[in-house]
C-alpha atoms as a PDB file:
ATOM      1  CA  MET A   1     138.542  85.689 125.567  1.00  0.00           C
ATOM      2  CA  SER A   2     134.944  86.170 124.491  1.00  0.00           C
ATOM      3  CA  PRO A   3     133.321  83.506 122.307  1.00  0.00           C
ATOM      4  CA  TRP A   4     131.721  83.996 118.893  1.00  0.00           C
ATOM      5  CA  PHE A   5     127.955  83.716 118.539  1.00  0.00           C
ATOM      6  CA  VAL A   6     125.553  83.649 115.579  1.00  0.00           C
ATOM      7  CA  LEU A   7     122.890  86.302 115.147  1.00  0.00           C
ATOM      8  CA  GLN A   8     119.922  85.780 112.857  1.00  0.00           C
ATOM      9  CA  THR A   9     119.069  88.897 110.864  1.00  0.00           C
ATOM     10  CA  LYS A  10     116.119  90.152 108.900  1.00  0.00           C
ATOM     11  CA  PRO A  11     116.269  89.142 105.224  1.00  0.00           C
ATOM     12  CA  LYS A  12     119.006  90.950 103.267  1.00  0.00           C
ATOM     13  CA  SER A  13     120.184  92.800 106.412  1.00  0.00           C
ATOM     14  CA  GLU A  14     123.504  91.042 107.047  1.00  0.00           C
ATOM     15  CA  ARG A  15     125.700  93.948 105.912  1.00  0.00           C
ATOM     16  CA  LYS A  16     123.586  96.531 107.724  1.00  0.00           C
ATOM     17  CA  VAL A  17     123.681  94.563 110.999  1.00  0.00           C
ATOM     18  CA  GLU A  18     127.419  94.017 110.654  1.00  0.00           C
ATOM     19  CA  ARG A  19     127.992  97.731 110.061  1.00  0.00           C
ATOM     20  CA  LEU A  20     125.784  98.803 113.004  1.00  0.00           C
ATOM     21  CA  LEU A  21     127.434  96.373 115.425  1.00  0.00           C
ATOM     22  CA  ILE A  22     130.933  97.384 114.351  1.00  0.00           C
ATOM     23  CA  LYS A  23     129.910 101.014 114.908  1.00  0.00           C
ATOM     24  CA  LYS A  24     128.876 100.004 118.456  1.00  0.00           C
ATOM     25  CA  GLY A  25     132.349  98.524 118.978  1.00  0.00           C
ATOM     26  CA  TYR A  26     131.708  94.804 118.431  1.00  0.00           C
ATOM     27  CA  GLU A  27     133.804  92.506 116.297  1.00  0.00           C
ATOM     28  CA  CYS A  28     131.475  91.061 113.662  1.00  0.00           C
ATOM     29  CA  PHE A  29     131.788  89.046 110.513  1.00  0.00           C
ATOM     30  CA  ALA A  30     129.297  88.499 107.693  1.00  0.00           C
ATOM     31  CA  PRO A  31     131.212  86.475 105.076  1.00  0.00           C
ATOM     32  CA  THR A  32     130.363  86.888 101.395  1.00  0.00           C
ATOM     33  CA  TYR A  33     131.416  85.357  98.100  1.00  0.00           C
ATOM     34  CA  ARG A  34     131.461  86.629  94.513  1.00  0.00           C
ATOM     35  CA  SER A  35     128.694  85.314  92.295  1.00  0.00           C
ATOM     36  CA  LYS A  36     127.974  85.943  88.631  1.00  0.00           C
ATOM     37  CA  ARG A  37     124.413  87.044  87.913  1.00  0.00           C
ATOM     38  CA  GLN A  38     122.667  87.509  84.604  1.00  0.00           C
ATOM     39  CA  TRP A  39     121.015  90.878  84.240  1.00  0.00           C
ATOM     40  CA  SER A  40     118.885  91.703  81.217  1.00  0.00           C
ATOM     41  CA  ASP A  41     121.776  93.230  79.255  1.00  0.00           C
ATOM     42  CA  ARG A  42     124.952  91.848  80.897  1.00  0.00           C
ATOM     43  CA  ILE A  43     126.530  89.520  83.418  1.00  0.00           C
ATOM     44  CA  VAL A  44     127.705  91.120  86.662  1.00  0.00           C
ATOM     45  CA  GLU A  45     129.593  89.858  89.693  1.00  0.00           C
ATOM     46  CA  ILE A  46     128.085  90.710  93.055  1.00  0.00           C
ATOM     47  CA  ASP A  47     128.892  89.924  96.678  1.00  0.00           C
ATOM     48  CA  VAL A  48     126.406  87.409  98.084  1.00  0.00           C
ATOM     49  CA  PRO A  49     126.159  86.407 101.770  1.00  0.00           C
ATOM     50  CA  LEU A  50     127.753  83.032 102.364  1.00  0.00           C
ATOM     51  CA  PHE A  51     125.197  82.417 105.119  1.00  0.00           C
ATOM     52  CA  PRO A  52     122.081  84.445 104.211  1.00  0.00           C
ATOM     53  CA  GLY A  53     120.348  85.787 107.293  1.00  0.00           C
ATOM     54  CA  TYR A  54     123.271  85.316 109.700  1.00  0.00           C
ATOM     55  CA  VAL A  55     126.099  87.393 111.174  1.00  0.00           C
ATOM     56  CA  PHE A  56     128.848  86.152 113.493  1.00  0.00           C
ATOM     57  CA  CYS A  57     129.587  88.357 116.493  1.00  0.00           C
ATOM     58  CA  HIS A  58     132.342  88.218 119.106  1.00  0.00           C
ATOM     59  CA  LEU A  59     130.872  89.275 122.457  1.00  0.00           C
ATOM     60  CA  ASN A  60     130.389  88.587 126.160  1.00  0.00           C
ATOM     61  CA  LYS A  61     127.155  87.221 127.563  1.00  0.00           C
ATOM     62  CA  SER A  62     126.633  90.528 129.400  1.00  0.00           C
ATOM     63  CA  GLU A  63     126.367  92.239 125.985  1.00  0.00           C
ATOM     64  CA  PHE A  64     123.584  90.036 124.588  1.00  0.00           C
ATOM     65  CA  ARG A  65     120.771  92.469 125.353  1.00  0.00           C
ATOM     66  CA  GLU A  66     122.404  95.442 123.641  1.00  0.00           C
ATOM     67  CA  VAL A  67     123.275  93.374 120.563  1.00  0.00           C
ATOM     68  CA  LEU A  68     119.762  91.935 120.306  1.00  0.00           C
ATOM     69  CA  LEU A  69     118.318  95.469 120.357  1.00  0.00           C
ATOM     70  CA  THR A  70     120.291  96.388 117.232  1.00  0.00           C
ATOM     71  CA  GLU A  71     118.129  97.194 114.222  1.00  0.00           C
ATOM     72  CA  GLY A  72     117.896  94.219 111.870  1.00  0.00           C
ATOM     73  CA  VAL A  73     118.746  91.548 114.476  1.00  0.00           C
ATOM     74  CA  ILE A  74     115.944  89.014 114.957  1.00  0.00           C
ATOM     75  CA  ARG A  75     117.509  86.743 117.556  1.00  0.00           C
ATOM     76  CA  MET A  76     120.541  84.770 118.615  1.00  0.00           C
ATOM     77  CA  VAL A  77     120.845  81.172 117.377  1.00  0.00           C
ATOM     78  CA  LYS A  78     120.420  78.841 120.357  1.00  0.00           C
ATOM     79  CA  PHE A  79     120.446  75.154 121.204  1.00  0.00           C
ATOM     80  CA  GLY A  80     117.505  74.879 123.556  1.00  0.00           C
ATOM     81  CA  ARG A  81     117.956  77.934 125.777  1.00  0.00           C
ATOM     82  CA  LYS A  82     121.730  78.167 125.457  1.00  0.00           C
ATOM     83  CA  PRO A  83     123.228  80.517 122.823  1.00  0.00           C
ATOM     84  CA  ALA A  84     125.214  78.556 120.231  1.00  0.00           C
ATOM     85  CA  GLU A  85     128.924  79.322 120.377  1.00  0.00           C
ATOM     86  CA  VAL A  86     130.950  79.085 117.172  1.00  0.00           C
ATOM     87  CA  VAL A  87     134.295  77.304 117.342  1.00  0.00           C
ATOM     88  CA  ILE A  88     137.126  79.826 116.837  1.00  0.00           C
ATOM     89  CA  GLU A  89     138.803  77.585 114.231  1.00  0.00           C
ATOM     90  CA  GLU A  90     135.655  77.796 112.093  1.00  0.00           C
ATOM     91  CA  ILE A  91     135.717  81.625 112.240  1.00  0.00           C
ATOM     92  CA  GLU A  92     139.447  81.713 111.434  1.00  0.00           C
ATOM     93  CA  ALA A  93     138.895  79.394 108.439  1.00  0.00           C
ATOM     94  CA  LEU A  94     136.078  81.634 107.169  1.00  0.00           C
ATOM     95  CA  ARG A  95     138.270  84.726 107.545  1.00  0.00           C
ATOM     96  CA  LEU A  96     141.116  83.122 105.603  1.00  0.00           C
ATOM     97  CA  LEU A  97     138.618  82.112 102.939  1.00  0.00           C
ATOM     98  CA  ALA A  98     137.203  85.650 102.767  1.00  0.00           C
ATOM     99  CA  GLY A  99     140.716  87.018 102.198  1.00  0.00           C
ATOM    100  CA  SER A 100     141.408  84.611  99.348  1.00  0.00           C
ATOM    101  CA  ASN A 101     140.247  84.640  95.760  1.00  0.00           C
ATOM    102  CA  LEU A 102     139.351  80.950  95.774  1.00  0.00           C
ATOM    103  CA  SER A 103     136.096  79.940  94.133  1.00  0.00           C
ATOM    104  CA  GLN A 104     133.513  78.996  96.747  1.00  0.00           C
ATOM    105  CA  GLU A 105     129.831  78.292  97.099  1.00  0.00           C
ATOM    106  CA  SER A 106     127.266  77.400  99.718  1.00  0.00           C
ATOM    107  CA  TRP A 107     127.055  73.649 100.213  1.00  0.00           C
ATOM    108  CA  HIS A 108     124.759  71.221 102.016  1.00  0.00           C
ATOM    109  CA  TYR A 109     125.913  70.459 105.562  1.00  0.00           C
ATOM    110  CA  HIS A 110     128.618  67.856 105.210  1.00  0.00           C
ATOM    111  CA  PRO A 111     129.803  66.331 108.523  1.00  0.00           C
ATOM    112  CA  TYR A 112     131.272  63.127 107.034  1.00  0.00           C
ATOM    113  CA  GLY A 113     134.340  62.457 104.921  1.00  0.00           C
ATOM    114  CA  THR A 114     138.121  62.388 104.904  1.00  0.00           C
ATOM    115  CA  LEU A 115     139.518  65.054 107.222  1.00  0.00           C
ATOM    116  CA  VAL A 116     142.506  66.887 105.741  1.00  0.00           C
ATOM    117  CA  LEU A 117     144.860  69.734 106.627  1.00  0.00           C
ATOM    118  CA  VAL A 118     145.698  72.292 103.943  1.00  0.00           C
ATOM    119  CA  LYS A 119     149.491  72.688 103.827  1.00  0.00           C
ATOM    120  CA  SER A 120     149.905  75.375 101.152  1.00  0.00           C
ATOM    121  CA  GLY A 121     148.106  78.304  99.613  1.00  0.00           C
ATOM    122  CA  PRO A 122     145.780  80.891 101.139  1.00  0.00           C
ATOM    123  CA  LEU A 123     144.046  78.312 103.369  1.00  0.00           C
ATOM    124  CA  ALA A 124     147.259  76.861 104.846  1.00  0.00           C
ATOM    125  CA  GLY A 125     146.536  75.531 108.332  1.00  0.00           C
ATOM    126  CA  VAL A 126     142.804  75.033 107.764  1.00  0.00           C
ATOM    127  CA  GLN A 127     141.191  71.645 108.336  1.00  0.00           C
ATOM    128  CA  GLY A 128     138.183  70.451 106.388  1.00  0.00           C
ATOM    129  CA  ILE A 129     136.681  67.521 104.583  1.00  0.00           C
ATOM    130  CA  ILE A 130     137.949  66.762 101.084  1.00  0.00           C
ATOM    131  CA  THR A 131     135.676  65.745  98.223  1.00  0.00           C
ATOM    132  CA  THR A 132     135.925  65.682  94.457  1.00  0.00           C
ATOM    133  CA  ASN A 133     133.379  67.247  92.168  1.00  0.00           C
ATOM    134  CA  GLU A 134     133.657  67.352  88.378  1.00  0.00           C
ATOM    135  CA  LYS A 135     137.300  66.237  88.637  1.00  0.00           C
ATOM    136  CA  ARG A 136     138.202  69.104  91.014  1.00  0.00           C
ATOM    137  CA  LYS A 137     139.329  68.939  94.597  1.00  0.00           C
ATOM    138  CA  GLN A 138     136.948  70.652  96.956  1.00  0.00           C
ATOM    139  CA  LEU A 139     137.495  71.439 100.601  1.00  0.00           C
ATOM    140  CA  ILE A 140     134.293  71.466 102.626  1.00  0.00           C
ATOM    141  CA  LEU A 141     134.361  73.881 105.557  1.00  0.00           C
ATOM    142  CA  SER A 142     131.511  73.568 108.032  1.00  0.00           C
ATOM    143  CA  VAL A 143     129.988  75.828 110.656  1.00  0.00           C
ATOM    144  CA  THR A 144     128.645  73.243 113.050  1.00  0.00           C
ATOM    145  CA  SER A 145     126.415  75.594 115.033  1.00  0.00           C
ATOM    146  CA  LEU A 146     124.562  76.568 111.832  1.00  0.00           C
ATOM    147  CA  GLN A 147     124.762  73.101 110.292  1.00  0.00           C
ATOM    148  CA  ARG A 148     125.897  74.779 107.060  1.00  0.00           C
ATOM    149  CA  SER A 149     128.937  74.198 104.880  1.00  0.00           C
ATOM    150  CA  ILE A 150     130.945  75.882 102.139  1.00  0.00           C
ATOM    151  CA  ALA A 151     132.669  74.163  99.234  1.00  0.00           C
ATOM    152  CA  VAL A 152     135.998  75.708  98.261  1.00  0.00           C
ATOM    153  CA  HIS A 153     137.534  74.790  94.915  1.00  0.00           C
ATOM    154  CA  LEU A 154     141.232  74.154  95.557  1.00  0.00           C
ATOM    155  CA  ASP A 155     143.987  74.814  93.033  1.00  0.00           C
ATOM    156  CA  GLU A 156     145.676  71.726  91.629  1.00  0.00           C
ATOM    157  CA  SER A 157     148.919  72.868  93.281  1.00  0.00           C
ATOM    158  CA  THR A 158     147.399  72.968  96.783  1.00  0.00           C
ATOM    159  CA  ILE A 159     149.135  70.526  99.097  1.00  0.00           C
ATOM    160  CA  ILE A 160     146.927  68.695 101.575  1.00  0.00           C
ATOM    161  CA  SER A 161     147.596  65.921 104.064  1.00  0.00           C
ATOM    162  CA  VAL A 162     145.149  63.481 105.546  1.00  0.00           C
ATOM    163  CA  VAL A 163     144.643  64.157 109.261  1.00  0.00           C
ATOM    164  CA  GLY A 164     142.560  61.056 109.845  1.00  0.00           C
ATOM    165  CA  GLY A 165     140.560  58.510 107.880  1.00  0.00           C
ATOM    166  CA  GLU A 166     136.837  58.949 107.737  1.00  0.00           C
ATOM    167  CA  ALA A 167     135.906  61.901 109.904  1.00  0.00           C
ATOM    168  CA  ARG A 168     132.623  62.865 111.378  1.00  0.00           C
ATOM    169  CA  ILE A 169     132.013  66.308 112.788  1.00  0.00           C
ATOM    170  CA  ASN A 170     130.547  65.931 116.241  1.00  0.00           C
ATOM    171  CA  CYS A 171     126.910  66.847 115.758  1.00  0.00           C
ATOM    172  CA  GLU A 172     125.122  64.226 117.851  1.00  0.00           C
ATOM    173  CA  SER A 173     124.329  66.793 120.534  1.00  0.00           C
ATOM    174  CA  LEU A 174     122.885  69.250 118.022  1.00  0.00           C
ATOM    175  CA  PRO A 175     119.162  69.482 117.417  1.00  0.00           C
ATOM    176  CA  PRO A 176     117.771  68.963 113.927  1.00  0.00           C
ATOM    177  CA  THR A 177     118.360  71.938 111.617  1.00  0.00           C
ATOM    178  CA  ASP A 178     114.754  73.172 111.822  1.00  0.00           C
ATOM    179  CA  GLU A 179     115.191  73.753 115.556  1.00  0.00           C
ATOM    180  CA  LEU A 180     118.141  76.063 114.867  1.00  0.00           C
ATOM    181  CA  LEU A 181     116.306  78.397 112.529  1.00  0.00           C
END
């Protein structure tokens, strides 16, 4: 099975790149979330990229050249000279999140904390790091290859179980964030 990779796009081109690559026959994913914005006369909800400037793409290494020639694609995210693969569990968690109506927001990269497994609700089966913010449970989902995270506000009825004590996402082999971008 082909791995998932991260493509960096031109500013505000995530949807366009996703659409063009899907038209070419690739499986792509540019997750978004709903955000309220104040316009001059009203408040509107719009879809905002969860990871601005990035699209996930499922492809073989032999397809890199064709994908990189797609309009709006700047480059592939790499560690050194090796393209950064995204762990399939991270993609699956993002897809489940995209199909839910749970409140979410971009979050600072969060590789430390108590690792939990969600047992109920739309994210059942997803692992993440649990935190509390303003008396609410939040599940932090991370995309290690981007060193970015998402905070998901869990319902009070969501059942979680601790997988391990203090967890640390393995990021020792990753370069500092500025080398990724």
